[in-house]
């Protein structure tokens, strides 16, 4: 990719996240939005403002003759891996919203195709760009906390009838995949990014308020060991009444403890490390606002910038395809424990 060349993006899926990708691409001087794709019309998607050719399917775009370098896959979860493969087969780079797929096997197929075609797959894990995430990454890498003893990840959100609409893809086993894939994979990614893989998974799961709106559990307590040492737990729920409660990570180390909290793991609440002075962090971006409910931090501008800089040879992908696969594999292993417990 030449330094003065604008990178051409096509956004596949024109829902909330797809339009956010399109908006961020449109703001970049070195990028150009050249097409959008959705099974609905441009008017139904409220995407007329982007003023680009609009297609009903990725295949229709590929066959249209419209030239583009990168396909941003922003469709329902269950379509991510197959559509990434279609784009890679057409010799395009891929930006894939989380999760990369709904199984390790599907993610491996994406990675195989990317290697075969010598194209990049960027996995969207925008929470890595939040100031507390960047800070705690340096703390862990520099062993400021010493040896890791315990890590507790708490994810307590509201997802009710305002979110799970009749006839929609959210809440379905084939297109949504489950609470950990859709709501909390960002936080599992941060945990994996910091502490590595897990083993000895145990869990307890329940469906408190979503028996009539989803195909899966809404809550769970999960415990495990880190392969690199220390033990951890993930406690999660989408049965919280009215609004999101918190997304937090508490880390207990041999030299001190840290808690990153707030609704979206966007605030350092405790930094208790002997002899360490907490730096002043830049302000976090607000959460993605979807009207009646909120999502993770609105950091997609950093994602698009990283794609541009990587393709121009200035840096490397913030979240590569193997990391995307590992998050899916961890969730798949947790859900295997769930299925065994619930007899699914």
C-alpha atoms as a PDB file:
ATOM      1  CA  UNK A   1       0.000   0.000   0.000  1.00  0.00           C
ATOM      2  CA  UNK A   2       1.566   3.288  -1.128  1.00  0.00           C
ATOM      3  CA  UNK A   3       1.957   6.053   1.447  1.00  0.00           C
ATOM      4  CA  UNK A   4      -0.156   8.585  -0.466  1.00  0.00           C
ATOM      5  CA  UNK A   5      -2.859   6.085  -1.457  1.00  0.00           C
ATOM      6  CA  UNK A   6      -6.278   6.250   0.242  1.00  0.00           C
ATOM      7  CA  UNK A   7      -7.513   2.922   1.582  1.00  0.00           C
ATOM      8  CA  UNK A   8     -10.952   1.985   0.294  1.00  0.00           C
ATOM      9  CA  UNK A   9     -13.396   0.419   2.766  1.00  0.00           C
ATOM     10  CA  UNK A  10     -16.706  -1.373   2.246  1.00  0.00           C
ATOM     11  CA  UNK A  11     -18.938  -1.855   5.310  1.00  0.00           C
ATOM     12  CA  UNK A  12     -20.964  -5.077   5.386  1.00  0.00           C
ATOM     13  CA  UNK A  13     -23.939  -4.678   7.720  1.00  0.00           C
ATOM     14  CA  UNK A  14     -25.541  -1.266   8.247  1.00  0.00           C
ATOM     15  CA  UNK A  15     -26.884  -1.572  11.784  1.00  0.00           C
ATOM     16  CA  UNK A  16     -25.694   0.505  14.766  1.00  0.00           C
ATOM     17  CA  UNK A  17     -22.101  -0.780  14.614  1.00  0.00           C
ATOM     18  CA  UNK A  18     -21.892  -0.795  10.811  1.00  0.00           C
ATOM     19  CA  UNK A  19     -22.912   2.855  10.657  1.00  0.00           C
ATOM     20  CA  UNK A  20     -20.355   3.638  13.372  1.00  0.00           C
ATOM     21  CA  UNK A  21     -17.637   2.013  11.214  1.00  0.00           C
ATOM     22  CA  UNK A  22     -18.841   4.007   8.200  1.00  0.00           C
ATOM     23  CA  UNK A  23     -18.769   7.238  10.209  1.00  0.00           C
ATOM     24  CA  UNK A  24     -15.224   6.613  11.496  1.00  0.00           C
ATOM     25  CA  UNK A  25     -13.984   5.717   8.001  1.00  0.00           C
ATOM     26  CA  UNK A  26     -15.531   8.910   6.608  1.00  0.00           C
ATOM     27  CA  UNK A  27     -13.600  11.006   9.125  1.00  0.00           C
ATOM     28  CA  UNK A  28     -10.174   9.640   8.141  1.00  0.00           C
ATOM     29  CA  UNK A  29      -8.191  11.588   5.534  1.00  0.00           C
ATOM     30  CA  UNK A  30      -6.379   8.434   4.410  1.00  0.00           C
ATOM     31  CA  UNK A  31      -9.549   6.355   4.088  1.00  0.00           C
ATOM     32  CA  UNK A  32     -12.508   6.321   1.732  1.00  0.00           C
ATOM     33  CA  UNK A  33     -15.892   4.641   2.229  1.00  0.00           C
ATOM     34  CA  UNK A  34     -16.843   3.240  -1.180  1.00  0.00           C
ATOM     35  CA  UNK A  35     -19.772   0.878  -0.476  1.00  0.00           C
ATOM     36  CA  UNK A  36     -22.186  -0.461   2.122  1.00  0.00           C
ATOM     37  CA  UNK A  37     -24.064  -3.754   2.273  1.00  0.00           C
ATOM     38  CA  UNK A  38     -27.245  -4.809   4.063  1.00  0.00           C
ATOM     39  CA  UNK A  39     -30.177  -7.110   3.338  1.00  0.00           C
ATOM     40  CA  UNK A  40     -32.427  -4.139   4.139  1.00  0.00           C
ATOM     41  CA  UNK A  41     -32.720  -1.051   1.952  1.00  0.00           C
ATOM     42  CA  UNK A  42     -30.555   2.018   2.469  1.00  0.00           C
ATOM     43  CA  UNK A  43     -33.638   3.885   3.718  1.00  0.00           C
ATOM     44  CA  UNK A  44     -34.560   1.122   6.206  1.00  0.00           C
ATOM     45  CA  UNK A  45     -30.985   1.273   7.547  1.00  0.00           C
ATOM     46  CA  UNK A  46     -31.051   5.077   7.702  1.00  0.00           C
ATOM     47  CA  UNK A  47     -27.727   5.108   5.864  1.00  0.00           C
ATOM     48  CA  UNK A  48     -28.495   7.570   3.079  1.00  0.00           C
ATOM     49  CA  UNK A  49     -26.125  10.166   4.541  1.00  0.00           C
ATOM     50  CA  UNK A  50     -23.082   8.111   3.550  1.00  0.00           C
ATOM     51  CA  UNK A  51     -23.964   8.569  -0.134  1.00  0.00           C
ATOM     52  CA  UNK A  52     -22.169   5.427  -1.415  1.00  0.00           C
ATOM     53  CA  UNK A  53     -23.333   2.485  -3.554  1.00  0.00           C
ATOM     54  CA  UNK A  54     -25.535   0.148  -1.485  1.00  0.00           C
ATOM     55  CA  UNK A  55     -25.740  -3.607  -2.064  1.00  0.00           C
ATOM     56  CA  UNK A  56     -28.018  -6.397  -0.808  1.00  0.00           C
ATOM     57  CA  UNK A  57     -25.224  -8.914  -0.202  1.00  0.00           C
ATOM     58  CA  UNK A  58     -21.455  -9.192   0.012  1.00  0.00           C
ATOM     59  CA  UNK A  59     -21.515 -11.414  -3.074  1.00  0.00           C
ATOM     60  CA  UNK A  60     -23.378  -8.703  -4.992  1.00  0.00           C
ATOM     61  CA  UNK A  61     -20.715  -6.173  -3.968  1.00  0.00           C
ATOM     62  CA  UNK A  62     -17.871  -8.510  -4.963  1.00  0.00           C
ATOM     63  CA  UNK A  63     -19.428  -9.045  -8.386  1.00  0.00           C
ATOM     64  CA  UNK A  64     -20.254  -5.348  -8.911  1.00  0.00           C
ATOM     65  CA  UNK A  65     -16.842  -4.160 -10.023  1.00  0.00           C
ATOM     66  CA  UNK A  66     -16.606  -1.629  -7.182  1.00  0.00           C
ATOM     67  CA  UNK A  67     -12.970  -1.546  -6.104  1.00  0.00           C
ATOM     68  CA  UNK A  68     -12.187  -1.768  -2.379  1.00  0.00           C
ATOM     69  CA  UNK A  69      -9.292  -2.867  -0.179  1.00  0.00           C
ATOM     70  CA  UNK A  70     -10.974  -3.732   3.129  1.00  0.00           C
ATOM     71  CA  UNK A  71     -14.300  -5.339   4.046  1.00  0.00           C
ATOM     72  CA  UNK A  72     -15.631  -4.384   7.479  1.00  0.00           C
ATOM     73  CA  UNK A  73     -17.841  -7.252   8.662  1.00  0.00           C
ATOM     74  CA  UNK A  74     -20.513  -5.761  10.961  1.00  0.00           C
ATOM     75  CA  UNK A  75     -23.314  -8.299  10.499  1.00  0.00           C
ATOM     76  CA  UNK A  76     -24.847 -10.672  13.106  1.00  0.00           C
ATOM     77  CA  UNK A  77     -22.272 -12.847  14.899  1.00  0.00           C
ATOM     78  CA  UNK A  78     -23.151 -16.083  13.143  1.00  0.00           C
ATOM     79  CA  UNK A  79     -22.263 -14.593   9.734  1.00  0.00           C
ATOM     80  CA  UNK A  80     -18.838 -13.184  10.648  1.00  0.00           C
ATOM     81  CA  UNK A  81     -16.622 -16.139   9.756  1.00  0.00           C
ATOM     82  CA  UNK A  82     -18.339 -17.094   6.476  1.00  0.00           C
ATOM     83  CA  UNK A  83     -18.447 -13.496   5.232  1.00  0.00           C
ATOM     84  CA  UNK A  84     -14.816 -12.932   6.227  1.00  0.00           C
ATOM     85  CA  UNK A  85     -13.883 -15.928   4.065  1.00  0.00           C
ATOM     86  CA  UNK A  86     -15.850 -14.540   1.100  1.00  0.00           C
ATOM     87  CA  UNK A  87     -13.977 -11.227   1.388  1.00  0.00           C
ATOM     88  CA  UNK A  88     -10.588 -12.918   1.807  1.00  0.00           C
ATOM     89  CA  UNK A  89     -11.286 -15.141  -1.199  1.00  0.00           C
ATOM     90  CA  UNK A  90     -11.764 -11.914  -3.174  1.00  0.00           C
ATOM     91  CA  UNK A  91      -8.280 -10.813  -1.985  1.00  0.00           C
ATOM     92  CA  UNK A  92      -9.570  -8.200   0.425  1.00  0.00           C
ATOM     93  CA  UNK A  93      -8.348  -7.425   3.936  1.00  0.00           C
ATOM     94  CA  UNK A  94     -10.961  -7.933   6.668  1.00  0.00           C
ATOM     95  CA  UNK A  95     -11.992  -5.961   9.727  1.00  0.00           C
ATOM     96  CA  UNK A  96     -14.224  -8.319  11.704  1.00  0.00           C
ATOM     97  CA  UNK A  97     -16.459  -7.194  14.540  1.00  0.00           C
ATOM     98  CA  UNK A  98     -16.431  -9.409  17.619  1.00  0.00           C
ATOM     99  CA  UNK A  99     -16.734 -12.317  17.767  1.00  0.00           C
ATOM    100  CA  UNK A 100     -14.589 -13.554  14.897  1.00  0.00           C
ATOM    101  CA  UNK A 101     -16.866 -16.615  14.732  1.00  0.00           C
ATOM    102  CA  UNK A 102     -19.052 -18.763  16.949  1.00  0.00           C
ATOM    103  CA  UNK A 103     -16.595 -21.671  17.067  1.00  0.00           C
ATOM    104  CA  UNK A 104     -12.857 -22.220  17.093  1.00  0.00           C
ATOM    105  CA  UNK A 105     -13.250 -24.326  13.950  1.00  0.00           C
ATOM    106  CA  UNK A 106     -14.817 -21.451  11.985  1.00  0.00           C
ATOM    107  CA  UNK A 107     -12.116 -19.050  13.208  1.00  0.00           C
ATOM    108  CA  UNK A 108      -9.400 -21.471  12.064  1.00  0.00           C
ATOM    109  CA  UNK A 109     -10.955 -21.495   8.580  1.00  0.00           C
ATOM    110  CA  UNK A 110     -10.751 -17.684   8.483  1.00  0.00           C
ATOM    111  CA  UNK A 111      -7.098 -17.733   9.560  1.00  0.00           C
ATOM    112  CA  UNK A 112      -6.271 -20.435   6.990  1.00  0.00           C
ATOM    113  CA  UNK A 113      -7.881 -18.370   4.204  1.00  0.00           C
ATOM    114  CA  UNK A 114      -6.091 -15.173   5.322  1.00  0.00           C
ATOM    115  CA  UNK A 115      -2.730 -16.944   5.221  1.00  0.00           C
ATOM    116  CA  UNK A 116      -3.556 -18.535   1.870  1.00  0.00           C
ATOM    117  CA  UNK A 117      -4.461 -15.149   0.368  1.00  0.00           C
ATOM    118  CA  UNK A 118      -1.766 -13.166   2.268  1.00  0.00           C
ATOM    119  CA  UNK A 119      -4.360 -10.751   3.658  1.00  0.00           C
ATOM    120  CA  UNK A 120      -4.857  -9.259   7.112  1.00  0.00           C
ATOM    121  CA  UNK A 121      -7.730  -9.999   9.473  1.00  0.00           C
ATOM    122  CA  UNK A 122      -8.250  -7.292  12.110  1.00  0.00           C
ATOM    123  CA  UNK A 123     -10.500  -8.279  15.016  1.00  0.00           C
ATOM    124  CA  UNK A 124     -12.436  -5.436  16.608  1.00  0.00           C
ATOM    125  CA  UNK A 125     -11.699  -5.339  20.341  1.00  0.00           C
ATOM    126  CA  UNK A 126     -11.937  -1.592  20.852  1.00  0.00           C
ATOM    127  CA  UNK A 127     -11.775  -1.760  24.661  1.00  0.00           C
ATOM    128  CA  UNK A 128      -8.020  -2.307  24.330  1.00  0.00           C
ATOM    129  CA  UNK A 129      -7.809   1.386  23.429  1.00  0.00           C
ATOM    130  CA  UNK A 130      -9.447   2.700  26.607  1.00  0.00           C
ATOM    131  CA  UNK A 131      -6.975   4.580  28.855  1.00  0.00           C
ATOM    132  CA  UNK A 132      -7.394   2.186  31.833  1.00  0.00           C
ATOM    133  CA  UNK A 133      -6.793  -0.811  29.526  1.00  0.00           C
ATOM    134  CA  UNK A 134      -3.645   0.702  28.031  1.00  0.00           C
ATOM    135  CA  UNK A 135      -2.423   1.591  31.531  1.00  0.00           C
ATOM    136  CA  UNK A 136      -3.086  -1.828  33.122  1.00  0.00           C
ATOM    137  CA  UNK A 137      -1.396  -3.533  30.152  1.00  0.00           C
ATOM    138  CA  UNK A 138       1.831  -1.650  30.924  1.00  0.00           C
ATOM    139  CA  UNK A 139       1.431  -2.381  34.656  1.00  0.00           C
ATOM    140  CA  UNK A 140       1.131  -6.134  34.037  1.00  0.00           C
ATOM    141  CA  UNK A 141       3.902  -6.258  31.402  1.00  0.00           C
ATOM    142  CA  UNK A 142       6.280  -4.382  33.721  1.00  0.00           C
ATOM    143  CA  UNK A 143       5.308  -6.626  36.664  1.00  0.00           C
ATOM    144  CA  UNK A 144       4.381  -3.632  38.824  1.00  0.00           C
ATOM    145  CA  UNK A 145       1.897  -5.861  40.680  1.00  0.00           C
ATOM    146  CA  UNK A 146       4.405  -8.705  40.948  1.00  0.00           C
ATOM    147  CA  UNK A 147       3.057 -12.232  40.768  1.00  0.00           C
ATOM    148  CA  UNK A 148      -0.637 -12.547  39.864  1.00  0.00           C
ATOM    149  CA  UNK A 149      -2.660 -14.213  42.623  1.00  0.00           C
ATOM    150  CA  UNK A 150      -6.307 -13.544  41.732  1.00  0.00           C
ATOM    151  CA  UNK A 151      -8.300 -11.860  38.959  1.00  0.00           C
ATOM    152  CA  UNK A 152     -12.036 -11.215  39.228  1.00  0.00           C
ATOM    153  CA  UNK A 153     -13.992 -10.014  36.198  1.00  0.00           C
ATOM    154  CA  UNK A 154     -17.533  -8.751  36.901  1.00  0.00           C
ATOM    155  CA  UNK A 155     -19.889  -7.932  34.008  1.00  0.00           C
ATOM    156  CA  UNK A 156     -23.381  -6.913  35.088  1.00  0.00           C
ATOM    157  CA  UNK A 157     -25.496  -5.352  32.332  1.00  0.00           C
ATOM    158  CA  UNK A 158     -29.113  -4.733  31.424  1.00  0.00           C
ATOM    159  CA  UNK A 159     -30.503  -6.375  28.310  1.00  0.00           C
ATOM    160  CA  UNK A 160     -34.290  -6.605  28.359  1.00  0.00           C
ATOM    161  CA  UNK A 161     -37.217  -6.438  25.947  1.00  0.00           C
ATOM    162  CA  UNK A 162     -35.938  -3.119  24.608  1.00  0.00           C
ATOM    163  CA  UNK A 163     -32.926  -5.043  23.263  1.00  0.00           C
ATOM    164  CA  UNK A 164     -34.336  -8.460  22.361  1.00  0.00           C
ATOM    165  CA  UNK A 165     -36.956  -7.681  19.724  1.00  0.00           C
ATOM    166  CA  UNK A 166     -39.302 -10.356  18.323  1.00  0.00           C
ATOM    167  CA  UNK A 167     -38.080 -11.617  14.964  1.00  0.00           C
ATOM    168  CA  UNK A 168     -34.574 -10.170  15.396  1.00  0.00           C
ATOM    169  CA  UNK A 169     -31.247 -12.033  15.389  1.00  0.00           C
ATOM    170  CA  UNK A 170     -30.286 -11.102  18.938  1.00  0.00           C
ATOM    171  CA  UNK A 171     -30.938 -13.921  21.372  1.00  0.00           C
ATOM    172  CA  UNK A 172     -30.801 -16.697  18.755  1.00  0.00           C
ATOM    173  CA  UNK A 173     -28.311 -19.540  19.091  1.00  0.00           C
ATOM    174  CA  UNK A 174     -27.258 -19.495  15.408  1.00  0.00           C
ATOM    175  CA  UNK A 175     -26.785 -15.745  14.845  1.00  0.00           C
ATOM    176  CA  UNK A 176     -26.162 -14.367  18.360  1.00  0.00           C
ATOM    177  CA  UNK A 177     -24.464 -17.360  20.000  1.00  0.00           C
ATOM    178  CA  UNK A 178     -24.772 -16.310  23.622  1.00  0.00           C
ATOM    179  CA  UNK A 179     -24.268 -13.614  26.224  1.00  0.00           C
ATOM    180  CA  UNK A 180     -20.495 -14.108  26.424  1.00  0.00           C
ATOM    181  CA  UNK A 181     -20.122 -13.722  22.650  1.00  0.00           C
ATOM    182  CA  UNK A 182     -22.329 -10.660  22.197  1.00  0.00           C
ATOM    183  CA  UNK A 183     -22.079  -8.700  25.438  1.00  0.00           C
ATOM    184  CA  UNK A 184     -18.919  -9.690  27.259  1.00  0.00           C
ATOM    185  CA  UNK A 185     -16.309 -10.942  24.770  1.00  0.00           C
ATOM    186  CA  UNK A 186     -14.606  -7.512  24.973  1.00  0.00           C
ATOM    187  CA  UNK A 187     -13.843  -8.060  28.652  1.00  0.00           C
ATOM    188  CA  UNK A 188     -12.775 -11.681  28.177  1.00  0.00           C
ATOM    189  CA  UNK A 189     -10.422 -10.333  25.501  1.00  0.00           C
ATOM    190  CA  UNK A 190      -8.893  -7.833  27.959  1.00  0.00           C
ATOM    191  CA  UNK A 191      -8.412 -10.620  30.491  1.00  0.00           C
ATOM    192  CA  UNK A 192      -6.747 -12.879  27.909  1.00  0.00           C
ATOM    193  CA  UNK A 193      -4.625  -9.944  26.624  1.00  0.00           C
ATOM    194  CA  UNK A 194      -3.339  -9.333  30.148  1.00  0.00           C
ATOM    195  CA  UNK A 195      -3.040 -12.798  31.669  1.00  0.00           C
ATOM    196  CA  UNK A 196      -3.131 -15.388  28.886  1.00  0.00           C
ATOM    197  CA  UNK A 197      -5.088 -18.607  28.545  1.00  0.00           C
ATOM    198  CA  UNK A 198      -7.147 -20.404  31.184  1.00  0.00           C
ATOM    199  CA  UNK A 199      -7.729 -24.006  32.306  1.00  0.00           C
ATOM    200  CA  UNK A 200      -9.680 -26.000  34.927  1.00  0.00           C
ATOM    201  CA  UNK A 201     -12.937 -24.215  34.088  1.00  0.00           C
ATOM    202  CA  UNK A 202     -15.891 -24.674  36.418  1.00  0.00           C
ATOM    203  CA  UNK A 203     -19.202 -22.848  36.315  1.00  0.00           C
ATOM    204  CA  UNK A 204     -22.746 -22.303  37.459  1.00  0.00           C
ATOM    205  CA  UNK A 205     -25.303 -20.849  35.065  1.00  0.00           C
ATOM    206  CA  UNK A 206     -28.895 -19.611  35.151  1.00  0.00           C
ATOM    207  CA  UNK A 207     -31.564 -17.934  33.040  1.00  0.00           C
ATOM    208  CA  UNK A 208     -33.376 -15.519  35.317  1.00  0.00           C
ATOM    209  CA  UNK A 209     -35.319 -13.179  33.015  1.00  0.00           C
ATOM    210  CA  UNK A 210     -34.808 -14.245  29.397  1.00  0.00           C
ATOM    211  CA  UNK A 211     -36.697 -17.549  29.086  1.00  0.00           C
ATOM    212  CA  UNK A 212     -39.013 -16.042  26.467  1.00  0.00           C
ATOM    213  CA  UNK A 213     -36.517 -13.841  24.623  1.00  0.00           C
ATOM    214  CA  UNK A 214     -33.252 -15.802  24.160  1.00  0.00           C
ATOM    215  CA  UNK A 215     -32.052 -19.330  23.442  1.00  0.00           C
ATOM    216  CA  UNK A 216     -29.435 -19.256  26.218  1.00  0.00           C
ATOM    217  CA  UNK A 217     -28.530 -18.347  29.803  1.00  0.00           C
ATOM    218  CA  UNK A 218     -28.372 -14.751  30.974  1.00  0.00           C
ATOM    219  CA  UNK A 219     -26.100 -15.230  34.021  1.00  0.00           C
ATOM    220  CA  UNK A 220     -23.134 -17.229  35.225  1.00  0.00           C
ATOM    221  CA  UNK A 221     -20.388 -17.665  37.785  1.00  0.00           C
ATOM    222  CA  UNK A 222     -17.237 -19.122  36.190  1.00  0.00           C
ATOM    223  CA  UNK A 223     -13.954 -19.983  37.926  1.00  0.00           C
ATOM    224  CA  UNK A 224     -10.658 -21.128  36.412  1.00  0.00           C
ATOM    225  CA  UNK A 225      -6.866 -21.105  36.699  1.00  0.00           C
ATOM    226  CA  UNK A 226      -4.513 -19.122  34.498  1.00  0.00           C
ATOM    227  CA  UNK A 227      -1.939 -21.274  32.717  1.00  0.00           C
ATOM    228  CA  UNK A 228       0.663 -18.610  33.568  1.00  0.00           C
ATOM    229  CA  UNK A 229      -0.233 -18.725  37.274  1.00  0.00           C
ATOM    230  CA  UNK A 230      -2.960 -17.410  39.547  1.00  0.00           C
ATOM    231  CA  UNK A 231      -6.677 -18.069  39.622  1.00  0.00           C
ATOM    232  CA  UNK A 232      -9.592 -16.153  38.182  1.00  0.00           C
ATOM    233  CA  UNK A 233     -13.339 -15.775  38.034  1.00  0.00           C
ATOM    234  CA  UNK A 234     -15.865 -14.331  35.615  1.00  0.00           C
ATOM    235  CA  UNK A 235     -19.232 -13.318  37.038  1.00  0.00           C
ATOM    236  CA  UNK A 236     -21.745 -12.038  34.499  1.00  0.00           C
ATOM    237  CA  UNK A 237     -25.400 -11.245  33.934  1.00  0.00           C
ATOM    238  CA  UNK A 238     -27.713  -9.429  31.536  1.00  0.00           C
ATOM    239  CA  UNK A 239     -30.606  -9.748  34.023  1.00  0.00           C
ATOM    240  CA  UNK A 240     -29.764  -6.465  35.792  1.00  0.00           C
ATOM    241  CA  UNK A 241     -32.874  -4.294  36.063  1.00  0.00           C
ATOM    242  CA  UNK A 242     -33.223  -0.950  34.275  1.00  0.00           C
ATOM    243  CA  UNK A 243     -29.621  -0.153  33.262  1.00  0.00           C
ATOM    244  CA  UNK A 244     -26.049  -1.457  33.194  1.00  0.00           C
ATOM    245  CA  UNK A 245     -24.463  -1.819  36.632  1.00  0.00           C
ATOM    246  CA  UNK A 246     -20.746  -2.418  36.070  1.00  0.00           C
ATOM    247  CA  UNK A 247     -17.924  -3.993  34.119  1.00  0.00           C
ATOM    248  CA  UNK A 248     -14.974  -4.328  36.455  1.00  0.00           C
ATOM    249  CA  UNK A 249     -11.702  -6.166  36.910  1.00  0.00           C
ATOM    250  CA  UNK A 250     -10.029  -6.631  40.287  1.00  0.00           C
ATOM    251  CA  UNK A 251      -6.426  -7.839  40.277  1.00  0.00           C
ATOM    252  CA  UNK A 252      -4.666  -9.074  43.409  1.00  0.00           C
ATOM    253  CA  UNK A 253      -0.892  -9.368  43.038  1.00  0.00           C
ATOM    254  CA  UNK A 254       2.057 -10.037  45.308  1.00  0.00           C
ATOM    255  CA  UNK A 255       3.004  -6.332  45.337  1.00  0.00           C
ATOM    256  CA  UNK A 256      -0.407  -4.691  45.360  1.00  0.00           C
ATOM    257  CA  UNK A 257      -3.931  -4.580  43.999  1.00  0.00           C
ATOM    258  CA  UNK A 258      -5.886  -2.729  41.324  1.00  0.00           C
ATOM    259  CA  UNK A 259      -9.573  -2.381  40.526  1.00  0.00           C
ATOM    260  CA  UNK A 260     -10.758  -0.988  37.195  1.00  0.00           C
ATOM    261  CA  UNK A 261     -14.495  -0.360  37.300  1.00  0.00           C
ATOM    262  CA  UNK A 262     -17.325   1.832  36.124  1.00  0.00           C
ATOM    263  CA  UNK A 263     -20.098   0.630  33.822  1.00  0.00           C
ATOM    264  CA  UNK A 264     -17.617  -0.167  31.035  1.00  0.00           C
ATOM    265  CA  UNK A 265     -14.286  -0.805  32.791  1.00  0.00           C
ATOM    266  CA  UNK A 266     -13.490   2.835  32.098  1.00  0.00           C
ATOM    267  CA  UNK A 267     -12.365   4.054  35.549  1.00  0.00           C
ATOM    268  CA  UNK A 268      -9.431   3.118  37.779  1.00  0.00           C
ATOM    269  CA  UNK A 269     -11.162   2.857  41.169  1.00  0.00           C
ATOM    270  CA  UNK A 270      -8.260   1.452  43.220  1.00  0.00           C
ATOM    271  CA  UNK A 271      -4.505   1.447  42.671  1.00  0.00           C
ATOM    272  CA  UNK A 272      -2.825   0.234  45.840  1.00  0.00           C
ATOM    273  CA  UNK A 273       0.790  -0.591  45.038  1.00  0.00           C
ATOM    274  CA  UNK A 274       3.562   0.196  47.501  1.00  0.00           C
ATOM    275  CA  UNK A 275       5.938   2.834  46.117  1.00  0.00           C
ATOM    276  CA  UNK A 276       3.984   3.297  42.851  1.00  0.00           C
ATOM    277  CA  UNK A 277       2.434   6.601  41.847  1.00  0.00           C
ATOM    278  CA  UNK A 278      -0.648   6.341  39.653  1.00  0.00           C
ATOM    279  CA  UNK A 279      -0.201   8.420  36.451  1.00  0.00           C
ATOM    280  CA  UNK A 280      -2.878  10.772  35.150  1.00  0.00           C
ATOM    281  CA  UNK A 281      -4.742   9.004  32.336  1.00  0.00           C
ATOM    282  CA  UNK A 282      -6.441  10.685  29.392  1.00  0.00           C
ATOM    283  CA  UNK A 283     -10.225  10.796  29.591  1.00  0.00           C
ATOM    284  CA  UNK A 284     -12.101   7.714  28.368  1.00  0.00           C
ATOM    285  CA  UNK A 285     -14.460   7.947  25.413  1.00  0.00           C
ATOM    286  CA  UNK A 286     -18.164   7.585  26.292  1.00  0.00           C
ATOM    287  CA  UNK A 287     -19.993   4.302  25.779  1.00  0.00           C
ATOM    288  CA  UNK A 288     -21.640   3.483  22.457  1.00  0.00           C
ATOM    289  CA  UNK A 289     -25.181   4.836  22.812  1.00  0.00           C
ATOM    290  CA  UNK A 290     -27.950   2.716  21.280  1.00  0.00           C
ATOM    291  CA  UNK A 291     -30.887   4.673  22.684  1.00  0.00           C
ATOM    292  CA  UNK A 292     -32.458   2.625  25.500  1.00  0.00           C
ATOM    293  CA  UNK A 293     -29.255   0.678  26.200  1.00  0.00           C
ATOM    294  CA  UNK A 294     -25.511   1.292  26.190  1.00  0.00           C
ATOM    295  CA  UNK A 295     -22.561  -0.709  24.874  1.00  0.00           C
ATOM    296  CA  UNK A 296     -18.785  -0.706  25.285  1.00  0.00           C
ATOM    297  CA  UNK A 297     -16.533   2.313  24.808  1.00  0.00           C
ATOM    298  CA  UNK A 298     -16.843   4.202  21.523  1.00  0.00           C
ATOM    299  CA  UNK A 299     -13.249   3.594  20.398  1.00  0.00           C
ATOM    300  CA  UNK A 300     -13.845   2.527  16.786  1.00  0.00           C
ATOM    301  CA  UNK A 301     -11.893   5.545  15.528  1.00  0.00           C
ATOM    302  CA  UNK A 302      -8.736   3.919  16.940  1.00  0.00           C
ATOM    303  CA  UNK A 303      -9.623   0.631  15.222  1.00  0.00           C
ATOM    304  CA  UNK A 304      -9.897   2.260  11.777  1.00  0.00           C
ATOM    305  CA  UNK A 305      -6.700   4.256  12.337  1.00  0.00           C
ATOM    306  CA  UNK A 306      -4.856   1.053  13.294  1.00  0.00           C
ATOM    307  CA  UNK A 307      -6.032  -0.629  10.071  1.00  0.00           C
ATOM    308  CA  UNK A 308      -4.757   2.301   8.005  1.00  0.00           C
ATOM    309  CA  UNK A 309      -1.406   2.438   9.810  1.00  0.00           C
ATOM    310  CA  UNK A 310      -0.931  -1.336   9.564  1.00  0.00           C
ATOM    311  CA  UNK A 311      -1.701  -1.510   5.849  1.00  0.00           C
ATOM    312  CA  UNK A 312       0.694   1.393   5.249  1.00  0.00           C
ATOM    313  CA  UNK A 313       3.443  -0.442   7.130  1.00  0.00           C
ATOM    314  CA  UNK A 314       3.651   1.892  10.126  1.00  0.00           C
ATOM    315  CA  UNK A 315       2.521  -0.537  12.840  1.00  0.00           C
ATOM    316  CA  UNK A 316       0.919  -3.938  13.452  1.00  0.00           C
ATOM    317  CA  UNK A 317      -2.673  -5.004  14.161  1.00  0.00           C
ATOM    318  CA  UNK A 318      -3.868  -4.205  17.680  1.00  0.00           C
ATOM    319  CA  UNK A 319      -5.912  -7.417  17.776  1.00  0.00           C
ATOM    320  CA  UNK A 320      -4.763 -10.074  15.338  1.00  0.00           C
ATOM    321  CA  UNK A 321      -6.731 -13.067  14.076  1.00  0.00           C
ATOM    322  CA  UNK A 322      -5.114 -15.558  16.465  1.00  0.00           C
ATOM    323  CA  UNK A 323      -6.157 -13.421  19.443  1.00  0.00           C
ATOM    324  CA  UNK A 324      -9.676 -13.252  18.022  1.00  0.00           C
ATOM    325  CA  UNK A 325      -9.699 -17.040  17.786  1.00  0.00           C
ATOM    326  CA  UNK A 326      -8.444 -17.451  21.370  1.00  0.00           C
ATOM    327  CA  UNK A 327     -11.294 -15.365  22.801  1.00  0.00           C
ATOM    328  CA  UNK A 328     -13.817 -17.477  20.864  1.00  0.00           C
ATOM    329  CA  UNK A 329     -12.122 -20.676  22.058  1.00  0.00           C
ATOM    330  CA  UNK A 330     -12.236 -19.553  25.717  1.00  0.00           C
ATOM    331  CA  UNK A 331     -15.964 -18.770  25.410  1.00  0.00           C
ATOM    332  CA  UNK A 332     -16.562 -22.079  23.633  1.00  0.00           C
ATOM    333  CA  UNK A 333     -14.867 -23.953  26.503  1.00  0.00           C
ATOM    334  CA  UNK A 334     -16.911 -22.059  29.106  1.00  0.00           C
ATOM    335  CA  UNK A 335     -20.072 -22.905  27.183  1.00  0.00           C
ATOM    336  CA  UNK A 336     -19.068 -26.556  27.031  1.00  0.00           C
ATOM    337  CA  UNK A 337     -19.135 -26.546  30.850  1.00  0.00           C
ATOM    338  CA  UNK A 338     -22.530 -24.771  30.712  1.00  0.00           C
ATOM    339  CA  UNK A 339     -23.948 -27.302  28.260  1.00  0.00           C
ATOM    340  CA  UNK A 340     -22.783 -30.223  30.367  1.00  0.00           C
ATOM    341  CA  UNK A 341     -24.313 -28.676  33.479  1.00  0.00           C
ATOM    342  CA  UNK A 342     -27.637 -27.825  31.825  1.00  0.00           C
ATOM    343  CA  UNK A 343     -27.782 -31.036  29.787  1.00  0.00           C
ATOM    344  CA  UNK A 344     -27.819 -29.205  26.457  1.00  0.00           C
END
